[in-house]
Amino acid sequence: MTQLATFAGGCFWCIEAALARVQGVSQVVSGYMGGSSASANYRAVCTGSTGHAEVVQLQFDPAQVSFELLLEMFFQLHDPTTLNRQGNDVGTQYRSEIFVHDELQLQTAQQFIARKQPEFNAPIVTAISRASTFYPAEAYHQDYFSQNPEQPYCAYLIAPKLAKFSKLFREHLRTEAQA
């Protein structure tokens, strides 16, 4: 029995690339959530006018990986103290947000943030919202890092984050044979 988790934390390419490697995660899809318009696509979301965030939605097996561990991983992949930006990516579409799918995820996310706050020198600005309509991103955004590792954004920004992520969470990642 799988569950859904949906995270917004800057450009979806990085979060997708990391969480796709986690044992117990069966599917990772980049997309858009949290806006007021009745549809979403990359061009419209980049304007900031739709209200949507770039998100990663994943299916996971809670018997293999807990929602709390996924939150820990998510917080390692982005800066939860910057409002509407991650590095050079600026705008509401790059906000930090956890879209919860049930009451247990809501409680877990609230408790997690409260417990993590003392570890940061600035307030955590990560919003917690109810999951709404998920719009998958265009096909060329899916599995972007794996298909474009030499692209400058991937090589200079995502690859170092993945290396750090792999060291921190080595015991929770699939081996090459499992991939």
Protein backbone atom coordinates (compact mmCIF):
# COMPACT_ATOMS: atom_id res chain seq x y z
CA MET A 1 0.00 0.00 0.00
CA THR A 2 1.63 3.22 -1.13
CA GLN A 3 1.05 6.80 -0.05
CA LEU A 4 1.65 10.15 -1.72
CA ALA A 5 3.96 12.93 -0.56
CA THR A 6 4.27 16.29 -2.32
CA PHE A 7 7.07 18.79 -1.72
CA ALA A 8 7.91 22.22 -3.14
CA GLY A 9 11.44 23.45 -2.56
CA GLY A 10 12.80 25.36 -5.52
CA CYS A 11 13.47 23.82 -8.91
CA PHE A 12 11.91 20.38 -9.06
CA TRP A 13 14.84 18.83 -10.94
CA CYS A 14 17.02 18.55 -7.83
CA ILE A 15 14.41 17.20 -5.46
CA GLU A 16 13.20 14.70 -8.07
CA ALA A 17 16.74 13.47 -8.77
CA ALA A 18 17.45 12.82 -5.08
CA LEU A 19 14.14 11.34 -3.94
CA ALA A 20 13.96 9.01 -6.96
CA ARG A 21 16.95 7.17 -5.44
CA VAL A 22 15.29 6.46 -2.10
CA GLN A 23 14.44 2.89 -1.18
CA GLY A 24 10.67 2.61 -0.83
CA VAL A 25 9.92 5.39 -3.31
CA SER A 26 8.29 3.79 -6.33
CA GLN A 27 7.49 6.84 -8.44
CA VAL A 28 8.57 10.49 -8.57
CA VAL A 29 6.86 13.02 -10.83
CA SER A 30 7.75 16.68 -11.25
CA GLY A 31 4.77 18.97 -11.53
CA TYR A 32 2.81 21.92 -10.19
CA MET A 33 0.45 22.40 -7.23
CA GLY A 34 -1.01 25.08 -5.03
CA GLY A 35 -2.24 27.61 -7.52
CA SER A 36 -5.58 29.16 -8.28
CA SER A 37 -5.69 28.74 -12.05
CA ALA A 38 -7.51 25.76 -13.53
CA SER A 39 -4.40 24.49 -15.31
CA ALA A 40 -0.66 24.71 -15.04
CA ASN A 41 2.29 24.47 -17.40
CA TYR A 42 5.90 25.54 -17.15
CA ARG A 43 5.57 28.74 -19.14
CA ALA A 44 2.57 29.96 -17.10
CA VAL A 45 3.96 28.88 -13.72
CA CYS A 46 7.27 30.67 -14.41
CA THR A 47 5.40 33.97 -14.69
CA GLY A 48 4.35 33.61 -11.05
CA SER A 49 0.78 34.52 -12.00
CA THR A 50 -0.82 31.07 -11.51
CA GLY A 51 0.07 30.71 -7.84
CA HIS A 52 1.42 27.21 -8.45
CA ALA A 53 4.71 25.97 -7.07
CA GLU A 54 7.12 23.61 -8.76
CA VAL A 55 6.61 20.38 -6.82
CA VAL A 56 7.70 16.79 -6.72
CA GLN A 57 5.00 14.23 -6.00
CA LEU A 58 6.09 10.77 -5.00
CA GLN A 59 4.54 7.44 -4.23
CA PHE A 60 6.20 5.71 -1.33
CA ASP A 61 5.81 2.59 0.77
CA PRO A 62 5.60 3.67 4.42
CA ALA A 63 6.80 0.20 5.47
CA GLN A 64 10.13 1.00 3.75
CA VAL A 65 10.49 4.77 4.22
CA SER A 66 8.58 6.96 6.65
CA PHE A 67 7.03 10.31 5.81
CA GLU A 68 9.20 11.82 8.56
CA LEU A 69 12.37 10.51 6.92
CA LEU A 70 11.20 11.98 3.61
CA LEU A 71 10.74 15.32 5.40
CA GLU A 72 14.30 15.07 6.74
CA MET A 73 15.57 14.43 3.22
CA PHE A 74 13.49 17.29 1.82
CA PHE A 75 14.97 19.69 4.39
CA GLN A 76 18.49 18.63 3.37
CA LEU A 77 17.74 19.36 -0.29
CA HIS A 78 16.69 23.00 0.07
CA ASP A 79 16.82 25.97 2.42
CA PRO A 80 13.53 26.10 4.34
CA THR A 81 14.34 29.59 5.67
CA THR A 82 14.26 31.50 2.38
CA LEU A 83 10.92 32.89 1.28
CA ASN A 84 9.99 32.38 -2.37
CA ARG A 85 13.48 31.52 -3.52
CA GLN A 86 16.14 28.86 -3.65
CA GLY A 87 19.52 30.19 -4.72
CA ASN A 88 19.13 32.03 -8.02
CA ASP A 89 15.58 30.71 -8.52
CA VAL A 90 13.29 33.52 -7.33
CA GLY A 91 9.50 33.72 -7.23
CA THR A 92 6.52 32.18 -5.49
CA GLN A 93 6.83 29.15 -7.78
CA TYR A 94 10.08 28.31 -5.92
CA ARG A 95 8.62 28.52 -2.41
CA SER A 96 9.14 25.94 0.32
CA GLU A 97 5.92 24.05 0.99
CA ILE A 98 4.73 20.66 2.17
CA PHE A 99 1.43 19.62 0.62
CA VAL A 100 -0.14 17.10 3.00
CA HIS A 101 -2.46 14.32 1.88
CA ASP A 102 -4.02 13.41 5.25
CA GLU A 103 -4.23 14.36 8.92
CA LEU A 104 -1.27 12.19 9.94
CA GLN A 105 0.98 13.94 7.40
CA LEU A 106 -0.28 17.30 8.68
CA GLN A 107 0.57 16.45 12.30
CA THR A 108 3.91 14.91 11.33
CA ALA A 109 4.89 17.98 9.27
CA GLN A 110 3.88 20.41 12.04
CA GLN A 111 5.82 18.48 14.69
CA PHE A 112 8.81 18.07 12.38
CA ILE A 113 9.08 21.80 11.69
CA ALA A 114 8.72 22.66 15.37
CA ARG A 115 11.47 20.17 16.23
CA LYS A 116 13.79 21.39 13.43
CA GLN A 117 13.44 25.14 14.08
CA PRO A 118 16.20 25.30 16.76
CA GLU A 119 18.68 23.94 14.18
CA PHE A 120 18.28 27.06 12.01
CA ASN A 121 19.42 30.64 12.61
CA ALA A 122 16.40 32.06 10.79
CA PRO A 123 12.70 31.19 10.95
CA ILE A 124 11.55 28.23 8.88
CA VAL A 125 9.16 29.63 6.28
CA THR A 126 8.04 26.29 4.87
CA ALA A 127 4.27 26.39 4.48
CA ILE A 128 2.08 23.39 5.14
CA SER A 129 -1.01 23.15 2.95
CA ARG A 130 -3.57 20.57 1.98
CA ALA A 131 -2.72 18.84 -1.28
CA SER A 132 -4.75 20.14 -4.19
CA THR A 133 -4.86 19.31 -7.88
CA PHE A 134 -1.52 18.02 -9.11
CA TYR A 135 -0.51 18.91 -12.65
CA PRO A 136 2.37 16.78 -14.00
CA ALA A 137 5.09 18.85 -15.63
CA GLU A 138 5.91 18.51 -19.28
CA ALA A 139 7.68 15.30 -20.35
CA TYR A 140 11.06 17.00 -20.81
CA HIS A 141 11.10 17.93 -17.08
CA GLN A 142 10.69 14.32 -15.92
CA ASP A 143 13.92 12.62 -14.84
CA TYR A 144 15.70 15.74 -16.08
CA PHE A 145 18.97 15.35 -14.18
CA SER A 146 19.51 11.74 -15.27
CA GLN A 147 18.94 12.68 -18.89
CA ASN A 148 20.95 15.93 -18.80
CA PRO A 149 23.81 15.55 -16.27
CA GLU A 150 26.16 17.73 -18.33
CA GLN A 151 23.70 20.63 -18.61
CA PRO A 152 25.34 23.48 -16.61
CA TYR A 153 22.52 23.82 -14.03
CA CYS A 154 22.67 20.09 -13.40
CA ALA A 155 26.46 19.82 -13.35
CA TYR A 156 27.12 22.80 -11.09
CA LEU A 157 24.08 22.90 -8.82
CA ILE A 158 22.38 19.51 -8.71
CA ALA A 159 25.37 17.13 -8.84
CA PRO A 160 27.03 18.54 -5.68
CA LYS A 161 23.70 18.41 -3.80
CA LEU A 162 23.21 14.80 -4.85
CA ALA A 163 26.72 13.89 -3.69
CA LYS A 164 26.04 15.39 -0.25
CA PHE A 165 22.58 13.78 -0.13
CA SER A 166 24.05 10.38 -1.01
CA LYS A 167 26.57 10.60 1.83
CA LEU A 168 23.95 11.66 4.39
CA PHE A 169 21.34 9.06 3.44
CA ARG A 170 23.47 6.23 1.99
CA GLU A 171 21.69 3.50 3.98
CA HIS A 172 18.29 4.62 2.64
CA LEU A 173 19.18 4.69 -1.06
CA ARG A 174 18.70 1.98 -3.64
CA THR A 175 21.84 0.31 -4.88
CA GLU A 176 22.64 0.32 -8.58
CA ALA A 177 21.38 -3.26 -8.80
CA GLN A 178 18.01 -2.18 -7.36
CA ALA A 179 17.60 0.83 -9.66
